[in-house]
């Protein structure tokens, strides 16, 4: 552990992916996979830093003799103490837990030799740090409350547009737009269960009626479950309520 090269970024001690894998005795690929599979659990600037472009070039120049940073690396992740802790939990091995404790003691919490502070000054510094953490938590809570308030205010008269926007926001909070389709399917399933309906059957019947009326196939094929919901005020109300709940559940209200 003592042979780890100490690096800092924005005043925080950090580790590269390769260093973290070395300490936890796993592969860098495993660290990257755990991050990609749980990216919503990591916050930029809190759990990790992502260096690219000019910022990465400057960092490489500062660690010119640091062989863990390849000259050809286009993007570099640096993990903070909280990021290392999160990876430890995801790996869940005895070795990872053992080494994280040692990381805290010998790497993240190890201080350079500085003049000893007076007890009074230490108390003031601790109070200031606690106040900053308190202010941060309050700011995060207020942000979430504002988000929830906006969700609750979802306009039933413009429900199709606003519900679609919320589903897109949920998908992004989960990692990308590929989650839109599963989220829509979940919303329809919840509506079926709560309202005792079968949207797919109603959609099929609606298309048959339109065929009987001579409406062209291309127009019938463009219909979806939202068109079925739009015909029933109670279904609209139920669907809006479900979208609000899902937005809070998946973090789109943050």
Protein backbone atom coordinates (compact mmCIF):
# COMPACT_ATOMS: atom_id res chain seq x y z
CA UNK A 1 0.00 0.00 0.00
CA UNK A 2 2.84 2.40 0.81
CA UNK A 3 4.21 2.01 -2.73
CA UNK A 4 1.11 3.68 -4.22
CA UNK A 5 2.04 6.89 -5.98
CA UNK A 6 0.13 9.69 -4.27
CA UNK A 7 -1.87 11.85 -6.68
CA UNK A 8 -4.31 14.68 -6.08
CA UNK A 9 -6.90 16.45 -8.20
CA UNK A 10 -8.84 19.57 -7.17
CA UNK A 11 -7.47 19.23 -3.65
CA UNK A 12 -8.60 15.61 -3.21
CA UNK A 13 -6.48 12.48 -3.05
CA UNK A 14 -7.49 10.19 -5.91
CA UNK A 15 -6.64 6.84 -7.48
CA UNK A 16 -6.65 5.77 -11.11
CA UNK A 17 -8.68 2.76 -12.21
CA UNK A 18 -5.48 0.73 -12.49
CA UNK A 19 -4.40 1.67 -8.97
CA UNK A 20 -7.82 0.80 -7.56
CA UNK A 21 -7.78 -2.57 -9.31
CA UNK A 22 -4.27 -3.22 -7.99
CA UNK A 23 -5.33 -2.47 -4.41
CA UNK A 24 -8.56 -4.51 -4.57
CA UNK A 25 -6.84 -7.35 -6.47
CA UNK A 26 -9.27 -7.34 -9.37
CA UNK A 27 -8.99 -6.37 -13.02
CA UNK A 28 -9.35 -2.79 -14.29
CA UNK A 29 -12.05 -4.18 -16.61
CA UNK A 30 -14.10 -5.24 -13.57
CA UNK A 31 -13.86 -1.73 -12.10
CA UNK A 32 -14.98 -0.23 -15.43
CA UNK A 33 -17.87 -2.69 -15.82
CA UNK A 34 -19.17 -2.03 -12.29
CA UNK A 35 -19.06 1.70 -13.01
CA UNK A 36 -20.84 1.40 -16.37
CA UNK A 37 -23.51 -0.89 -14.90
CA UNK A 38 -24.15 1.43 -11.93
CA UNK A 39 -23.30 4.84 -13.35
CA UNK A 40 -26.38 6.41 -11.72
CA UNK A 41 -24.85 5.66 -8.30
CA UNK A 42 -21.75 7.77 -9.04
CA UNK A 43 -21.68 11.55 -8.94
CA UNK A 44 -19.09 13.48 -10.93
CA UNK A 45 -16.86 15.54 -8.61
CA UNK A 46 -17.95 13.53 -5.57
CA UNK A 47 -17.08 9.94 -6.44
CA UNK A 48 -14.88 10.49 -9.47
CA UNK A 49 -13.31 12.94 -11.89
CA UNK A 50 -13.27 12.46 -15.65
CA UNK A 51 -10.34 14.08 -17.43
CA UNK A 52 -10.40 14.74 -21.15
CA UNK A 53 -8.86 17.12 -23.64
CA UNK A 54 -6.74 19.97 -22.27
CA UNK A 55 -7.43 19.00 -18.67
CA UNK A 56 -6.08 15.49 -19.31
CA UNK A 57 -3.03 16.85 -21.14
CA UNK A 58 -2.20 19.11 -18.18
CA UNK A 59 -2.59 16.18 -15.80
CA UNK A 60 -0.30 13.99 -17.93
CA UNK A 61 2.35 16.71 -17.90
CA UNK A 62 2.17 16.88 -14.11
CA UNK A 63 2.67 13.11 -13.80
CA UNK A 64 5.14 12.66 -16.62
CA UNK A 65 6.92 9.78 -14.88
CA UNK A 66 3.69 8.15 -13.76
CA UNK A 67 3.63 4.93 -15.82
CA UNK A 68 -0.04 4.20 -14.97
CA UNK A 69 -1.10 7.06 -17.24
CA UNK A 70 -0.63 6.11 -20.88
CA UNK A 71 0.31 8.88 -23.26
CA UNK A 72 -2.42 7.63 -25.62
CA UNK A 73 -5.21 7.61 -23.04
CA UNK A 74 -8.06 9.82 -24.42
CA UNK A 75 -10.05 9.77 -21.17
CA UNK A 76 -8.97 9.18 -17.57
CA UNK A 77 -11.11 8.42 -14.52
CA UNK A 78 -9.82 9.36 -11.07
CA UNK A 79 -11.60 7.89 -8.03
CA UNK A 80 -12.02 9.77 -4.74
CA UNK A 81 -12.30 8.16 -1.31
CA UNK A 82 -16.08 7.97 -1.72
CA UNK A 83 -15.68 6.49 -5.18
CA UNK A 84 -13.24 3.88 -3.87
CA UNK A 85 -15.73 3.05 -1.10
CA UNK A 86 -18.53 2.59 -3.64
CA UNK A 87 -16.39 0.25 -5.73
CA UNK A 88 -15.51 -1.71 -2.59
CA UNK A 89 -19.21 -2.28 -1.90
CA UNK A 90 -19.86 -3.36 -5.49
CA UNK A 91 -17.00 -5.83 -5.50
CA UNK A 92 -18.10 -7.15 -2.09
CA UNK A 93 -15.02 -9.32 -1.57
CA UNK A 94 -13.27 -9.74 1.76
CA UNK A 95 -10.07 -8.51 0.15
CA UNK A 96 -11.73 -5.33 -1.11
CA UNK A 97 -13.15 -4.54 2.34
CA UNK A 98 -9.82 -5.24 3.98
CA UNK A 99 -7.90 -3.07 1.55
CA UNK A 100 -10.38 -0.18 1.70
CA UNK A 101 -9.83 0.09 5.45
CA UNK A 102 -6.10 0.26 4.78
CA UNK A 103 -6.64 2.77 1.98
CA UNK A 104 -8.46 5.08 4.36
CA UNK A 105 -5.72 4.87 6.98
CA UNK A 106 -2.60 4.97 4.83
CA UNK A 107 -3.69 6.87 1.72
CA UNK A 108 -6.79 9.04 1.96
CA UNK A 109 -6.52 10.05 5.61
CA UNK A 110 -2.75 10.21 5.82
CA UNK A 111 -1.71 13.80 6.36
CA UNK A 112 1.53 15.49 5.43
CA UNK A 113 3.65 16.80 8.23
CA UNK A 114 2.16 20.15 9.24
CA UNK A 115 2.32 22.20 12.41
CA UNK A 116 -0.08 20.86 15.02
CA UNK A 117 -3.22 22.95 15.37
CA UNK A 118 -4.45 24.21 18.68
CA UNK A 119 -7.51 22.43 20.14
CA UNK A 120 -9.54 25.64 19.76
CA UNK A 121 -8.65 25.95 16.06
CA UNK A 122 -9.39 22.27 15.47
CA UNK A 123 -12.85 22.75 17.01
CA UNK A 124 -13.53 25.75 14.77
CA UNK A 125 -12.39 23.87 11.66
CA UNK A 126 -14.56 20.86 12.56
CA UNK A 127 -17.56 23.12 13.14
CA UNK A 128 -17.02 24.81 9.78
CA UNK A 129 -16.75 21.47 8.00
CA UNK A 130 -19.94 20.22 9.68
CA UNK A 131 -21.73 23.43 8.72
CA UNK A 132 -20.64 23.06 5.09
CA UNK A 133 -21.85 19.46 5.01
CA UNK A 134 -25.12 20.53 6.64
CA UNK A 135 -25.57 23.29 4.02
CA UNK A 136 -24.81 20.81 1.22
CA UNK A 137 -27.42 18.34 2.48
CA UNK A 138 -30.02 21.08 2.79
CA UNK A 139 -29.27 22.28 -0.75
CA UNK A 140 -29.66 18.74 -2.10
CA UNK A 141 -32.92 18.28 -0.19
CA UNK A 142 -34.29 21.59 -1.50
CA UNK A 143 -33.34 20.65 -5.04
CA UNK A 144 -35.18 17.35 -4.72
CA UNK A 145 -38.22 19.06 -3.17
CA UNK A 146 -38.33 21.53 -6.07
CA UNK A 147 -38.12 18.62 -8.51
CA UNK A 148 -40.95 16.76 -6.79
CA UNK A 149 -43.02 19.95 -6.75
CA UNK A 150 -42.57 20.28 -10.52
CA UNK A 151 -43.60 16.65 -11.01
CA UNK A 152 -46.68 17.07 -8.85
CA UNK A 153 -47.62 20.10 -10.95
CA UNK A 154 -47.69 18.00 -14.15
CA UNK A 155 -50.49 19.49 -16.25
CA UNK A 156 -53.27 16.94 -17.06
CA UNK A 157 -54.26 19.08 -20.07
CA UNK A 158 -50.85 18.57 -21.67
CA UNK A 159 -50.28 15.11 -20.23
CA UNK A 160 -48.93 13.43 -23.37
CA UNK A 161 -46.12 15.91 -23.93
CA UNK A 162 -45.17 16.26 -20.27
CA UNK A 163 -45.31 12.53 -19.50
CA UNK A 164 -43.06 11.84 -22.49
CA UNK A 165 -40.61 14.48 -21.27
CA UNK A 166 -40.55 12.88 -17.82
CA UNK A 167 -39.98 9.40 -19.26
CA UNK A 168 -37.04 10.76 -21.26
CA UNK A 169 -35.65 12.34 -18.10
CA UNK A 170 -36.05 9.04 -16.21
CA UNK A 171 -34.23 7.23 -19.01
CA UNK A 172 -31.32 9.67 -18.87
CA UNK A 173 -31.08 9.30 -15.10
CA UNK A 174 -30.80 5.53 -15.70
CA UNK A 175 -28.05 5.90 -18.29
CA UNK A 176 -29.60 6.61 -21.70
CA UNK A 177 -32.56 6.72 -24.04
CA UNK A 178 -32.47 2.93 -24.49
CA UNK A 179 -34.46 2.81 -21.23
CA UNK A 180 -37.41 4.74 -22.72
CA UNK A 181 -39.15 1.67 -24.17
CA UNK A 182 -38.95 -0.43 -20.93
CA UNK A 183 -40.18 2.57 -18.92
CA UNK A 184 -43.18 3.03 -21.21
CA UNK A 185 -43.96 -0.68 -20.96
CA UNK A 186 -43.78 -0.45 -17.16
CA UNK A 187 -46.15 2.55 -17.12
CA UNK A 188 -48.72 0.70 -19.28
CA UNK A 189 -48.45 -2.44 -17.14
CA UNK A 190 -49.03 -0.43 -13.96
CA UNK A 191 -52.06 1.25 -15.52
CA UNK A 192 -53.50 -2.13 -16.56
CA UNK A 193 -53.07 -3.46 -13.03
CA UNK A 194 -54.45 -0.43 -11.20
CA UNK A 195 -57.36 0.39 -13.49
CA UNK A 196 -58.31 -3.19 -14.36
CA UNK A 197 -57.92 -2.65 -18.11
CA UNK A 198 -56.00 -4.23 -20.97
CA UNK A 199 -54.55 -1.43 -23.08
CA UNK A 200 -53.24 -3.77 -25.76
CA UNK A 201 -56.67 -5.37 -26.27
CA UNK A 202 -58.30 -1.94 -26.42
CA UNK A 203 -55.69 -0.85 -28.96
CA UNK A 204 -56.37 -3.92 -31.12
CA UNK A 205 -60.14 -3.31 -30.98
CA UNK A 206 -59.70 0.36 -31.85
CA UNK A 207 -57.64 -0.55 -34.92
CA UNK A 208 -60.33 -3.04 -36.01
CA UNK A 209 -63.05 -0.42 -35.68
CA UNK A 210 -61.01 2.02 -37.74
CA UNK A 211 -60.46 -0.67 -40.39
CA UNK A 212 -64.22 -1.23 -40.54
CA UNK A 213 -64.62 2.52 -41.06
CA UNK A 214 -62.24 2.38 -44.00
CA UNK A 215 -59.37 4.26 -42.35
CA UNK A 216 -56.03 3.49 -44.04
CA UNK A 217 -53.61 0.98 -42.52
CA UNK A 218 -50.72 3.45 -42.12
CA UNK A 219 -52.87 5.63 -39.89
CA UNK A 220 -54.05 2.62 -37.89
CA UNK A 221 -50.48 1.43 -37.41
CA UNK A 222 -49.46 4.79 -35.93
CA UNK A 223 -51.85 4.32 -33.04
CA UNK A 224 -50.43 3.33 -29.66
CA UNK A 225 -51.52 2.87 -26.06
CA UNK A 226 -51.47 6.62 -25.44
CA UNK A 227 -54.25 7.03 -28.02
CA UNK A 228 -56.32 4.51 -26.06
CA UNK A 229 -55.64 6.33 -22.79
CA UNK A 230 -56.60 9.65 -24.39
CA UNK A 231 -60.18 8.38 -24.93
CA UNK A 232 -60.87 7.85 -21.22
CA UNK A 233 -60.57 10.68 -18.65
CA UNK A 234 -60.09 8.20 -15.78
CA UNK A 235 -57.27 6.46 -17.66
CA UNK A 236 -55.61 9.84 -18.23
CA UNK A 237 -55.79 10.65 -14.51
CA UNK A 238 -54.47 7.21 -13.59
CA UNK A 239 -51.64 7.41 -16.10
CA UNK A 240 -50.56 10.88 -14.96
CA UNK A 241 -50.45 9.64 -11.34
CA UNK A 242 -48.32 6.65 -12.37
CA UNK A 243 -45.86 8.81 -14.32
CA UNK A 244 -45.45 11.10 -11.29
CA UNK A 245 -44.70 8.13 -9.04
CA UNK A 246 -42.21 6.70 -11.52
CA UNK A 247 -40.47 10.06 -11.92
CA UNK A 248 -39.85 10.23 -8.17
CA UNK A 249 -38.84 6.56 -8.03
CA UNK A 250 -36.28 6.84 -10.85
CA UNK A 251 -34.83 10.17 -9.83
CA UNK A 252 -36.33 12.34 -12.55
CA UNK A 253 -37.67 14.64 -9.82
CA UNK A 254 -34.15 15.45 -8.60
